[in-house]
Amino acid sequence: MDDTGYLAYEENETGELIIPECEAKSKPFVGQIFPNLDVGCKFYDDYAELCGFTSRKSTSTKDDDDFGTYNVRTFIEGHNHTMVPTVSRHLMPVNRNVTLAHEMWITSAIKANIGPIRSFRMYKEIMGEYEDIGCVSNDFKNFVRDLNVYALDSNAHMILQTFLNKKELGNGFQYFYDVDDENRLRRLIWTDEVSVKNYKLFGEAVSFDATYNTNMYKMIFTPFMGRDNHGKCLSFGAAIISREDVNSYSWVLEKFVECVGNAPPLLITDQDPGLKKAVAAVWPQTRHRYCMWHITMKVAEKMPQRLSDITEFKTNFGNIVWSEFDEPAVFEENWQNLMDEYDLSDNRWFSDMFDDRSHWIPAYFRDVSMSGLFRTTSLSESENSYFKRALEAQRHNYHKTTFADETGILPMKTRLKIEKHAATIYTNNIFKEVQDEIDDSQTHCNMYKMEEQVDESIYTVHDNVDGKFVVRHRLSDTYTSCSCNLFVGKGILCKHIFLAFRTLQVERIPDKYISIRWSKFSILSAMVPGFELGSAPSQNSVIGNNKFFNIVGNCIGYVGDNQVLREELLAALIEVEKRFAKEGSTESKLEAKRRLFKDFYGTTAPEVPSVLPPLISKTKGSGAGGRRKSNQEKAMDLAKKPLRNCKKCNTMGHHDSRNCPTNKLSN
């Protein structure tokens, strides 16, 4: 045996051989006999590690006189390079090994959307020092590379196989997929029983956003989202598509209805023209609303350069487009006045937005039930991590919120009985909103005028924040409504109605105004048979890794800084490790690695995939050199940069004399 491959070492400039220093018992010698080759190699590897150099097996010769043993015939002790310093020896390949513990840690981190570099740093914090980790960050990165290569060209097949396994369990899991002429996956949609139940109860308004996930295929991830009875993010299902076109969107919308049973009354999306056509064709009865946030973020980039005070315009623009109380005629008048004031009547973008006003301005959705749940697709965008993990976290958080809701008691702001009654009905998050309305009815509202007619009482309420509103109380059925339409758009009563209730001496919220969708879990479960939002804790009989981690972690915590106990615990763990290294799995390291990959993906990579992954797709915002930022994102990045003074136009902005907008005007 000899040591070779010392490219990483510095050559000894004197030409003299370097003799490693170590105890005699650790040094090989001529005539030394080993029972087998592996034992001999291990002895020399230990010697190399102790001295500070790396070894690898080159050639071996078996002596027939040794009766199956191995004999060291030649031992060259000198080296033509320096030894690795002690402080750097943990970086030598012989001292670097990605163990099963490392691999389990890395795969767990990936599931939590943590990359190899961050997971390496976290592992270091647990181990204490870098030399205690056992490998370097590149080893973590290489393992992730191997994990990705394992599913290369088979991930579409593996996803479908995983979904098939879920469906065969009979728990209500559904999925549909579509392939192209080359048998490549191009569309996939899935949902489960819990999501469908959620949709039946909370699907009045659905957010649908197409934002591609940055994987190598750039598949577009499109989740269907809503809000639960706490007002929190809620998933109804998800899809991935390879192209953002009318056919793809139409297919997704059709299959979503097959999964959940019916189209939603209201859908919120971005301004994708293909999606607009698909919604009109497939869901003609659904009111289609654009995400207001996406639109308002474009204002700065659409403003003419001649307008110096963009801030003032954006404020005025926001006050007009975000108003929930204006009727369409009032909005249109205010919009026209704004365009005239800033000479924007001929601006194409603003003209297009006005022509499309019925798709995004709140004034045109005042009559739509629950239109005030949300006006953006931000709920969907927050789910653009791996959907399964996000769904698990979402349902776990629901249980946490429900527990706090059922056990917590919120303080009252008034002495009104109707506030205490509201606290027993609504979830805590929604009660806070109702509570504010009740409180505001006392602090911000007063009765301006009361009229008694034959069939109704009419109350004109002066709101010192939002203006005057008319509350009508029908005598025949005691139904009360307000011109602000908060109850229609959000499902909660407004401060103006609460003021009228005080006049009418109403001390409890009438049942007709109690929306099931905002009720506490105890009320929901009583009123909706079989309702169980979220999933129950797993009853899997297989002992999970969490038990091992918890026990070992607890033991470390129990011993604390007691050195005697720490040594005793370490010795016990070493003995346990030795035992199970012998008695545990007989699989090779490669087999163990493949098993870990299978556990990670949920299925085995096939020799020949039945469905191929899609070709790399061009999507909104993608380019040949990677993802191209949208104008909206560019504007956001630009807004973060400090202003500088342009010497040509003598104004503060994000330009200088070389690229001053006045240069274009002068040309």
Foldseek 3Di string as FASTA:
>chain_A
DDFDDQPVFAFDPVQDWDFFDDDPVLDDDFFDKAQADVVVVVSVQVSCLVRAHGGDDDDADDDVVVVNIGGHHDDDRTHRGDGHDPVCSLADPSQADCDPVNLVQLLVCVLVVHHLVVSLVVLCVVQPHPSRSRYDSVVSVVLVVVLVVQCVFFQVLLVVVLQVVVVVVVQAKDKDWDADPVQATFKMKIFGDLLLLQCVAWVQEWEWEFDFFPDQQRWTKIWIWTAFLLLDIGTNIIMTGSAPALVRLLVVQVVSCVSNPDDHQEYEYAPPVSNVVSCCVRVVNHQAAYQVVVVLLCQVVLDDPVDFCVVVLSVLVCVLQADQQDAPVVSVVSLVVSCVVRVNPVRPVSVVCVVVVCRYGNNNCLQRFQQQSHRHNVSRVVCSDDNVSVNQVVLVVVVVQLVCQVPPDDDADDPALALVQLSQWFGPSVSVVLRVQQVQLPVFKDFPDWDDDDFWIWTWIQGNVPGIKIWIQGPVVRDIDISSSCCRNRLHDGSVVSNVCVVVVPRHDDPVSRRLRRTRPVVVCVVDPPNDNHDDDDPDPDDDVVVVVVVVVVQCVVCDPVPVSVVVVVVVVVVVVVVCVVVPDPDDPVVVSQVSSCVSSVHGRDPDRPGTHDHRHDYVQADPVGGHDDPSVVSVVQVPDAWDAAPPVRDTGSDHVVPDPVVVVVD
